[in-house]
Amino acid sequence: MKATDLQDASSQSTVDSVRLRTEVYDALAAAKGYKTAESQAIWHRTARSNWFRIRAGGPPRLTTAMRVAADLGVAVEVIWERTP
């Protein structure tokens, strides 16, 4: 494996210092008709297991965090909060 291959693999970074504001997210998603975690995972084009992990406080990938905010039509800061 070349060094550039390793660098490319690491570009799929996670955002370790944020968590989903589930109460805000749930209200916004419900308004769009997505009330279950399963339907939300499909809507955001992510695996159910990944979505459950994120909802439980796990760090999202940067692309996932941005896609979720875009799907809701809000700024990233509205549904994601920094953690200590």
N, C-alpha and C. Protein backbone atom coordinates (compact mmCIF):
# COMPACT_ATOMS: atom_id res chain seq x y z
N MET A 1 0.84 -1.17 0.00
CA MET A 1 0.00 0.00 0.00
C MET A 1 0.89 1.24 0.00
N LYS A 2 0.59 2.17 -0.85
CA LYS A 2 1.36 3.40 -0.93
C LYS A 2 0.93 4.36 0.18
N ALA A 3 1.82 5.28 0.48
CA ALA A 3 1.51 6.26 1.52
C ALA A 3 0.28 7.09 1.15
N THR A 4 0.11 7.36 -0.13
CA THR A 4 -1.06 8.15 -0.54
C THR A 4 -2.35 7.39 -0.30
N ASP A 5 -2.30 6.06 -0.40
CA ASP A 5 -3.49 5.26 -0.11
C ASP A 5 -3.89 5.38 1.36
N LEU A 6 -2.90 5.39 2.24
CA LEU A 6 -3.17 5.56 3.66
C LEU A 6 -3.78 6.92 3.95
N GLN A 7 -3.25 7.93 3.28
CA GLN A 7 -3.77 9.27 3.48
C GLN A 7 -5.21 9.36 2.99
N ASP A 8 -5.51 8.74 1.86
CA ASP A 8 -6.88 8.77 1.34
C ASP A 8 -7.84 8.10 2.30
N ALA A 9 -7.42 7.00 2.91
CA ALA A 9 -8.29 6.29 3.84
C ALA A 9 -8.58 7.15 5.07
N SER A 10 -7.62 7.94 5.50
CA SER A 10 -7.82 8.76 6.69
C SER A 10 -8.66 10.00 6.40
N SER A 11 -8.91 10.31 5.15
CA SER A 11 -9.69 11.50 4.83
C SER A 11 -11.16 11.33 5.21
N GLN A 12 -11.59 10.12 5.52
CA GLN A 12 -12.95 9.85 5.97
C GLN A 12 -13.00 10.09 7.49
N SER A 13 -12.64 11.28 7.92
CA SER A 13 -12.51 11.56 9.35
C SER A 13 -13.86 11.65 10.05
N THR A 14 -13.81 11.38 11.34
CA THR A 14 -14.99 11.55 12.17
C THR A 14 -14.85 12.87 12.92
N VAL A 15 -15.96 13.37 13.39
CA VAL A 15 -15.97 14.60 14.16
C VAL A 15 -16.13 14.18 15.61
N ASP A 16 -15.00 13.95 16.29
CA ASP A 16 -15.01 13.37 17.63
C ASP A 16 -15.56 14.28 18.71
N SER A 17 -15.62 15.57 18.45
CA SER A 17 -16.01 16.47 19.52
C SER A 17 -17.43 17.04 19.34
N VAL A 18 -18.29 16.31 18.66
CA VAL A 18 -19.69 16.75 18.53
C VAL A 18 -20.64 15.60 18.82
N ARG A 19 -21.84 15.97 19.20
CA ARG A 19 -22.89 14.97 19.36
C ARG A 19 -24.18 15.56 18.82
N LEU A 20 -25.08 14.68 18.43
CA LEU A 20 -26.37 15.07 17.88
C LEU A 20 -27.25 15.64 18.99
N ARG A 21 -27.86 16.77 18.74
CA ARG A 21 -28.86 17.33 19.65
C ARG A 21 -30.17 16.63 19.32
N THR A 22 -30.38 15.48 19.95
CA THR A 22 -31.50 14.62 19.56
C THR A 22 -32.86 15.30 19.71
N GLU A 23 -33.03 16.12 20.75
CA GLU A 23 -34.32 16.76 20.94
C GLU A 23 -34.64 17.75 19.81
N VAL A 24 -33.63 18.48 19.38
CA VAL A 24 -33.81 19.42 18.27
C VAL A 24 -33.98 18.63 16.97
N TYR A 25 -33.11 17.65 16.78
CA TYR A 25 -33.18 16.83 15.56
C TYR A 25 -34.55 16.16 15.44
N ASP A 26 -35.02 15.53 16.51
CA ASP A 26 -36.30 14.80 16.46
C ASP A 26 -37.46 15.71 16.07
N ALA A 27 -37.48 16.93 16.60
CA ALA A 27 -38.55 17.86 16.27
C ALA A 27 -38.50 18.24 14.78
N LEU A 28 -37.31 18.51 14.28
CA LEU A 28 -37.17 18.89 12.87
C LEU A 28 -37.49 17.72 11.94
N ALA A 29 -37.01 16.53 12.28
CA ALA A 29 -37.25 15.35 11.44
C ALA A 29 -38.73 14.98 11.45
N ALA A 30 -39.38 15.06 12.60
CA ALA A 30 -40.81 14.73 12.70
C ALA A 30 -41.64 15.68 11.84
N ALA A 31 -41.24 16.93 11.79
CA ALA A 31 -41.96 17.91 10.97
C ALA A 31 -41.88 17.56 9.48
N LYS A 32 -40.85 16.82 9.10
CA LYS A 32 -40.70 16.39 7.72
C LYS A 32 -41.25 14.98 7.50
N GLY A 33 -41.78 14.37 8.56
CA GLY A 33 -42.42 13.06 8.44
C GLY A 33 -41.54 11.87 8.77
N TYR A 34 -40.35 12.11 9.31
CA TYR A 34 -39.42 11.03 9.65
C TYR A 34 -39.38 10.88 11.17
N LYS A 35 -40.18 9.96 11.69
CA LYS A 35 -40.32 9.84 13.14
C LYS A 35 -39.56 8.67 13.73
N THR A 36 -39.24 7.65 12.94
CA THR A 36 -38.52 6.49 13.47
C THR A 36 -37.06 6.56 13.07
N ALA A 37 -36.21 5.96 13.90
CA ALA A 37 -34.78 5.93 13.60
C ALA A 37 -34.51 5.20 12.29
N GLU A 38 -35.29 4.17 12.00
CA GLU A 38 -35.10 3.43 10.75
C GLU A 38 -35.38 4.31 9.54
N SER A 39 -36.47 5.07 9.58
CA SER A 39 -36.79 5.93 8.45
C SER A 39 -35.77 7.07 8.33
N GLN A 40 -35.26 7.53 9.46
CA GLN A 40 -34.25 8.59 9.45
C GLN A 40 -32.95 8.09 8.81
N ALA A 41 -32.55 6.87 9.14
CA ALA A 41 -31.33 6.30 8.57
C ALA A 41 -31.45 6.20 7.05
N ILE A 42 -32.58 5.74 6.57
CA ILE A 42 -32.79 5.63 5.13
C ILE A 42 -32.76 7.01 4.49
N TRP A 43 -33.44 7.97 5.11
CA TRP A 43 -33.50 9.33 4.59
C TRP A 43 -32.10 9.94 4.47
N HIS A 44 -31.25 9.69 5.45
CA HIS A 44 -29.90 10.27 5.45
C HIS A 44 -28.87 9.40 4.73
N ARG A 45 -29.35 8.31 4.15
CA ARG A 45 -28.49 7.42 3.37
C ARG A 45 -27.30 6.89 4.19
N THR A 46 -27.62 6.38 5.36
CA THR A 46 -26.60 5.78 6.21
C THR A 46 -27.13 4.46 6.77
N ALA A 47 -26.23 3.61 7.19
CA ALA A 47 -26.63 2.31 7.75
C ALA A 47 -27.39 2.52 9.06
N ARG A 48 -28.37 1.65 9.29
CA ARG A 48 -29.13 1.74 10.54
C ARG A 48 -28.22 1.68 11.75
N SER A 49 -27.27 0.75 11.74
CA SER A 49 -26.36 0.61 12.88
C SER A 49 -25.57 1.89 13.11
N ASN A 50 -25.14 2.53 12.05
CA ASN A 50 -24.42 3.79 12.16
C ASN A 50 -25.32 4.88 12.73
N TRP A 51 -26.56 4.95 12.27
CA TRP A 51 -27.49 5.96 12.75
C TRP A 51 -27.82 5.75 14.23
N PHE A 52 -28.01 4.51 14.64
CA PHE A 52 -28.27 4.23 16.06
C PHE A 52 -27.06 4.63 16.91
N ARG A 53 -25.85 4.38 16.42
CA ARG A 53 -24.63 4.75 17.14
C ARG A 53 -24.55 6.27 17.29
N ILE A 54 -24.84 7.00 16.22
CA ILE A 54 -24.81 8.46 16.26
C ILE A 54 -25.86 8.99 17.24
N ARG A 55 -27.07 8.43 17.18
CA ARG A 55 -28.15 8.88 18.08
C ARG A 55 -27.80 8.60 19.54
N ALA A 56 -26.98 7.58 19.78
CA ALA A 56 -26.57 7.24 21.15
C ALA A 56 -25.41 8.10 21.64
N GLY A 57 -24.93 9.02 20.79
CA GLY A 57 -23.86 9.92 21.20
C GLY A 57 -22.53 9.67 20.54
N GLY A 58 -22.48 8.70 19.63
CA GLY A 58 -21.24 8.42 18.91
C GLY A 58 -20.90 9.50 17.91
N PRO A 59 -19.62 9.64 17.59
CA PRO A 59 -19.22 10.68 16.65
C PRO A 59 -19.60 10.33 15.21
N PRO A 60 -20.12 11.30 14.47
CA PRO A 60 -20.44 11.06 13.06
C PRO A 60 -19.24 11.34 12.18
N ARG A 61 -19.27 10.81 10.97
CA ARG A 61 -18.30 11.25 9.98
C ARG A 61 -18.68 12.67 9.60
N LEU A 62 -17.70 13.45 9.20
CA LEU A 62 -17.95 14.83 8.82
C LEU A 62 -18.98 14.91 7.70
N THR A 63 -18.86 14.03 6.71
CA THR A 63 -19.80 14.06 5.59
C THR A 63 -21.22 13.73 6.06
N THR A 64 -21.34 12.82 7.01
CA THR A 64 -22.66 12.46 7.54
C THR A 64 -23.25 13.64 8.31
N ALA A 65 -22.46 14.29 9.15
CA ALA A 65 -22.94 15.44 9.92
C ALA A 65 -23.45 16.53 8.99
N MET A 66 -22.71 16.79 7.93
CA MET A 66 -23.11 17.83 6.98
C MET A 66 -24.34 17.41 6.18
N ARG A 67 -24.41 16.15 5.79
CA ARG A 67 -25.56 15.66 5.01
C ARG A 67 -26.85 15.71 5.83
N VAL A 68 -26.78 15.35 7.11
CA VAL A 68 -27.95 15.37 7.97
C VAL A 68 -28.47 16.80 8.09
N ALA A 69 -27.57 17.75 8.32
CA ALA A 69 -27.98 19.15 8.41
C ALA A 69 -28.59 19.62 7.09
N ALA A 70 -27.98 19.25 5.98
CA ALA A 70 -28.50 19.65 4.67
C ALA A 70 -29.87 19.04 4.41
N ASP A 71 -30.05 17.78 4.79
CA ASP A 71 -31.35 17.13 4.60
C ASP A 71 -32.46 17.86 5.36
N LEU A 72 -32.11 18.42 6.51
CA LEU A 72 -33.07 19.15 7.32
C LEU A 72 -33.20 20.61 6.90
N GLY A 73 -32.24 21.08 6.11
CA GLY A 73 -32.26 22.47 5.67
C GLY A 73 -31.85 23.45 6.75
N VAL A 74 -30.95 23.01 7.64
CA VAL A 74 -30.48 23.87 8.72
C VAL A 74 -28.96 23.91 8.73
N ALA A 75 -28.41 24.87 9.45
CA ALA A 75 -26.96 24.94 9.63
C ALA A 75 -26.51 23.78 10.52
N VAL A 76 -25.29 23.36 10.32
CA VAL A 76 -24.72 22.25 11.09
C VAL A 76 -24.83 22.51 12.59
N GLU A 77 -24.60 23.74 13.00
CA GLU A 77 -24.60 24.09 14.42
C GLU A 77 -25.96 23.93 15.09
N VAL A 78 -27.03 23.89 14.31
CA VAL A 78 -28.37 23.78 14.86
C VAL A 78 -28.59 22.39 15.47
N ILE A 79 -28.10 21.35 14.82
CA ILE A 79 -28.39 19.99 15.31
C ILE A 79 -27.18 19.28 15.90
N TRP A 80 -26.01 19.85 15.79
CA TRP A 80 -24.80 19.24 16.37
C TRP A 80 -24.23 20.18 17.39
N GLU A 81 -23.84 19.64 18.56
CA GLU A 81 -23.20 20.47 19.59
C GLU A 81 -21.83 19.93 19.93
N ARG A 82 -20.95 20.85 20.24
CA ARG A 82 -19.59 20.47 20.64
C ARG A 82 -19.63 19.82 22.01
N THR A 83 -18.77 18.82 22.19
CA THR A 83 -18.65 18.17 23.50
C THR A 83 -17.28 18.45 24.06
N PRO A 84 -17.15 18.44 25.36
CA PRO A 84 -15.85 18.72 25.98
C PRO A 84 -14.83 17.65 25.71
